[in-house]
Amino acid sequence: MSQLILLRHGQSVWNAGNRFTGWEDVDLSELGVKEAQVAGQKLKHFKIDRAFTSTLKRAIETAIIVLDIIGKIALPLACSPALNERHYGDLQGLNKDEMRTKFGEEQVQIWRRSYDIRPPNGESLKDTCDRVLPYYRSTILPCLLKKETVLVAAHGNSLRGLIKELEHLSDLDVVSVEIPTGSPIIYELDEQGQFLNKVML
């Protein structure tokens, strides 16, 4: 059996400001740093062998804080744009409530939570899954098949892609998956990398 630990980064300053973040490289908020520290304490008794993250500093900072707390700060951190957040295109940096006023609640909800509809000049969740899953299968899964414990610190939508794969969720079901910031999700996998059990810390 192997363990895959999925961790959405702690709250960012743009999460706190209710702004579409996407690929904009913003810092953790003060609360986000604390969330990462709490996640590290929750993971203190896990023997993490590998750590993967996106190229965005809010995820990298979260991973570094966790690895420091569990005594694994020297563990190499594999950073890949494949794990980056969904690109929100023209919406990036804009306030979500202001966009609801401008475009309507229904349209903004479609952009945020449909599976295959893109915001203007941005990515759909399907687009995000299409870059996350090949990376998972080629790079992360082989570690799990060697019974290693793997940490993936990433983003709401890139983690949705992984959860879709692990739990065999439909396109419709995956859009409603909620992933809190800074809360580790532990997946236990069998020798073939198939989902056995899930624990939320």
Protein backbone atom coordinates (compact mmCIF):
# COMPACT_ATOMS: atom_id res chain seq x y z
CA MET A 1 0.00 0.00 0.00
CA SER A 2 1.14 3.55 -0.74
CA GLN A 3 -0.07 6.94 0.42
CA LEU A 4 -0.69 10.04 -1.70
CA ILE A 5 -1.11 13.25 0.29
CA LEU A 6 -2.93 16.01 -1.56
CA LEU A 7 -2.65 19.50 -0.09
CA ARG A 8 -4.17 22.66 -1.47
CA HIS A 9 -1.91 25.61 -0.68
CA GLY A 10 -2.76 27.85 2.25
CA GLN A 11 -4.91 30.90 1.65
CA SER A 12 -3.25 33.38 -0.72
CA VAL A 13 -3.54 37.15 -0.56
CA TRP A 14 -5.83 37.02 -3.60
CA ASN A 15 -7.98 34.29 -2.07
CA ALA A 16 -8.42 36.67 0.84
CA GLY A 17 -9.30 39.49 -1.58
CA ASN A 18 -11.85 37.32 -3.44
CA ARG A 19 -9.95 37.66 -6.71
CA PHE A 20 -9.46 35.19 -9.56
CA THR A 21 -5.85 34.09 -9.17
CA GLY A 22 -5.06 31.40 -11.73
CA TRP A 23 -1.44 31.61 -12.86
CA GLU A 24 -0.76 34.95 -11.16
CA ASP A 25 2.11 34.33 -8.75
CA VAL A 26 0.88 35.73 -5.45
CA ASP A 27 2.04 35.12 -1.88
CA LEU A 28 0.37 33.29 0.94
CA SER A 29 -1.63 35.50 3.28
CA GLU A 30 -0.81 35.55 6.99
CA LEU A 31 -3.65 33.07 7.49
CA GLY A 32 -2.29 30.96 4.62
CA VAL A 33 1.09 30.65 6.34
CA LYS A 34 -0.68 29.51 9.51
CA GLU A 35 -2.75 27.00 7.52
CA ALA A 36 0.43 25.54 6.04
CA GLN A 37 1.97 25.31 9.51
CA VAL A 38 -1.10 23.49 10.84
CA ALA A 39 -0.95 21.11 7.86
CA GLY A 40 2.69 20.41 8.69
CA GLN A 41 1.77 19.53 12.28
CA LYS A 42 -0.95 17.18 11.03
CA LEU A 43 1.57 15.45 8.76
CA LYS A 44 4.37 15.23 11.31
CA HIS A 45 4.09 11.46 11.70
CA PHE A 46 4.01 10.69 7.98
CA LYS A 47 7.20 9.47 6.34
CA ILE A 48 7.13 11.51 3.14
CA ASP A 49 9.49 10.18 0.47
CA ARG A 50 8.70 12.52 -2.44
CA ALA A 51 7.24 16.01 -2.78
CA PHE A 52 5.72 17.59 -5.89
CA THR A 53 4.32 21.06 -6.42
CA SER A 54 3.47 23.61 -9.10
CA THR A 55 5.73 26.46 -10.20
CA LEU A 56 3.59 29.01 -8.32
CA LYS A 57 5.03 30.30 -5.07
CA ARG A 58 1.89 29.93 -2.96
CA ALA A 59 2.10 26.15 -3.49
CA ILE A 60 5.89 26.05 -3.20
CA GLU A 61 5.81 28.05 0.06
CA THR A 62 3.16 25.70 1.45
CA ALA A 63 5.24 22.64 0.59
CA ILE A 64 8.41 24.15 2.08
CA ILE A 65 6.64 25.05 5.34
CA VAL A 66 5.27 21.50 5.64
CA LEU A 67 8.59 19.83 4.83
CA ASP A 68 10.38 22.05 7.36
CA ILE A 69 7.95 21.15 10.14
CA ILE A 70 8.16 17.40 9.46
CA GLY A 71 11.96 17.51 9.36
CA LYS A 72 12.27 16.91 5.61
CA ILE A 73 13.39 20.34 4.42
CA ALA A 74 16.28 18.74 2.50
CA LEU A 75 13.87 16.60 0.44
CA PRO A 76 14.07 17.69 -3.23
CA LEU A 77 10.93 19.52 -4.33
CA ALA A 78 9.84 18.68 -7.88
CA CYS A 79 8.10 21.75 -9.38
CA SER A 80 6.10 21.43 -12.59
CA PRO A 81 3.75 23.79 -14.47
CA ALA A 82 1.61 20.71 -15.11
CA LEU A 83 0.39 21.12 -11.51
CA ASN A 84 -0.34 24.85 -11.84
CA GLU A 85 -3.78 26.22 -11.07
CA ARG A 86 -6.31 26.56 -13.86
CA HIS A 87 -5.57 29.64 -15.96
CA TYR A 88 -8.49 32.06 -15.62
CA GLY A 89 -7.54 34.14 -18.64
CA ASP A 90 -9.09 37.61 -18.76
CA LEU A 91 -10.61 37.11 -15.29
CA GLN A 92 -7.25 36.86 -13.51
CA GLY A 93 -6.80 39.58 -10.91
CA LEU A 94 -10.46 40.61 -11.03
CA ASN A 95 -12.83 40.56 -8.06
CA LYS A 96 -15.35 37.72 -8.25
CA ASP A 97 -18.25 39.78 -6.88
CA GLU A 98 -17.56 42.59 -9.36
CA MET A 99 -17.58 40.02 -12.19
CA ARG A 100 -20.94 38.71 -10.94
CA THR A 101 -22.32 42.24 -11.10
CA LYS A 102 -20.90 42.76 -14.60
CA PHE A 103 -21.68 39.37 -16.21
CA GLY A 104 -24.32 37.88 -13.92
CA GLU A 105 -24.17 35.17 -11.26
CA GLU A 106 -25.02 32.38 -13.69
CA GLN A 107 -22.28 33.21 -16.21
CA VAL A 108 -19.58 33.53 -13.55
CA GLN A 109 -20.67 30.23 -12.02
CA ILE A 110 -20.41 28.58 -15.44
CA TRP A 111 -16.89 29.91 -15.87
CA ARG A 112 -15.92 28.77 -12.38
CA ARG A 113 -17.61 25.40 -12.11
CA SER A 114 -18.38 23.91 -15.52
CA TYR A 115 -16.12 21.13 -16.74
CA ASP A 116 -15.36 22.13 -20.32
CA ILE A 117 -16.34 25.80 -20.72
CA ARG A 118 -13.42 28.23 -20.74
CA PRO A 119 -13.47 31.77 -19.39
CA PRO A 120 -12.29 34.30 -22.01
CA ASN A 121 -8.68 33.42 -23.00
CA GLY A 122 -8.45 30.92 -20.16
CA GLU A 123 -8.59 27.21 -19.39
CA SER A 124 -11.52 24.97 -18.55
CA LEU A 125 -11.25 22.37 -15.82
CA LYS A 126 -10.99 19.81 -18.62
CA ASP A 127 -7.94 21.66 -20.00
CA THR A 128 -6.39 21.56 -16.54
CA CYS A 129 -7.07 17.83 -16.18
CA ASP A 130 -5.54 17.25 -19.62
CA ARG A 131 -2.16 18.57 -18.43
CA VAL A 132 -2.29 17.31 -14.81
CA LEU A 133 -3.13 13.68 -15.51
CA PRO A 134 -0.32 12.82 -17.98
CA TYR A 135 2.16 14.25 -15.45
CA TYR A 136 0.58 12.21 -12.67
CA ARG A 137 0.71 9.00 -14.69
CA SER A 138 4.28 9.49 -15.96
CA THR A 139 5.97 11.01 -12.91
CA ILE A 140 3.98 10.68 -9.67
CA LEU A 141 2.30 7.29 -10.09
CA PRO A 142 5.62 5.41 -10.58
CA CYS A 143 6.69 6.65 -7.12
CA LEU A 144 3.44 5.37 -5.62
CA LEU A 145 3.90 2.01 -7.32
CA LYS A 146 7.21 1.75 -5.44
CA LYS A 147 5.17 2.16 -2.21
CA GLU A 148 6.54 5.61 -1.54
CA THR A 149 4.57 8.22 0.38
CA VAL A 150 4.08 11.22 -1.88
CA LEU A 151 3.07 14.80 -1.07
CA VAL A 152 1.48 16.93 -3.80
CA ALA A 153 1.04 20.57 -2.79
CA ALA A 154 -0.95 22.29 -5.50
CA HIS A 155 -4.20 24.11 -6.26
CA GLY A 156 -7.95 23.61 -6.15
CA ASN A 157 -8.41 22.78 -9.82
CA SER A 158 -5.21 20.82 -10.41
CA LEU A 159 -6.05 18.72 -7.35
CA ARG A 160 -9.59 18.22 -8.69
CA GLY A 161 -7.98 16.63 -11.73
CA LEU A 162 -6.08 14.18 -9.53
CA ILE A 163 -9.16 13.41 -7.45
CA LYS A 164 -11.16 12.79 -10.63
CA GLU A 165 -8.59 10.18 -11.65
CA LEU A 166 -8.23 8.56 -8.24
CA GLU A 167 -11.95 8.30 -7.45
CA HIS A 168 -13.11 7.74 -11.05
CA LEU A 169 -15.44 10.73 -10.88
CA SER A 170 -17.60 11.82 -13.79
CA ASP A 171 -17.14 15.18 -15.51
CA LEU A 172 -20.29 16.36 -13.72
CA ASP A 173 -19.32 15.12 -10.27
CA VAL A 174 -15.79 16.53 -10.22
CA VAL A 175 -16.90 20.15 -10.58
CA SER A 176 -18.65 20.01 -7.20
CA VAL A 177 -15.62 18.69 -5.30
CA GLU A 178 -14.63 21.16 -2.59
CA ILE A 179 -11.01 21.26 -1.44
CA PRO A 180 -10.29 23.50 1.58
CA THR A 181 -7.01 25.40 1.74
CA GLY A 182 -4.35 23.89 3.98
CA SER A 183 -6.23 20.65 4.75
CA PRO A 184 -4.35 17.44 3.85
CA ILE A 185 -6.26 14.63 2.11
CA ILE A 186 -4.65 11.20 2.45
CA TYR A 187 -5.30 8.65 -0.29
CA GLU A 188 -4.37 5.04 0.38
CA LEU A 189 -3.65 3.14 -2.84
CA ASP A 190 -3.16 -0.55 -3.59
CA GLU A 191 -0.16 -2.10 -5.36
CA GLN A 192 -1.62 -1.13 -8.75
CA GLY A 193 -2.14 2.48 -7.65
CA GLN A 194 -5.91 2.06 -7.32
CA PHE A 195 -7.92 3.96 -4.73
CA LEU A 196 -8.58 2.09 -1.46
CA ASN A 197 -9.43 4.70 1.14
CA LYS A 198 -9.46 8.44 1.79
CA VAL A 199 -8.88 10.33 5.03
CA MET A 200 -9.21 14.09 5.44
CA LEU A 201 -7.02 15.53 8.21
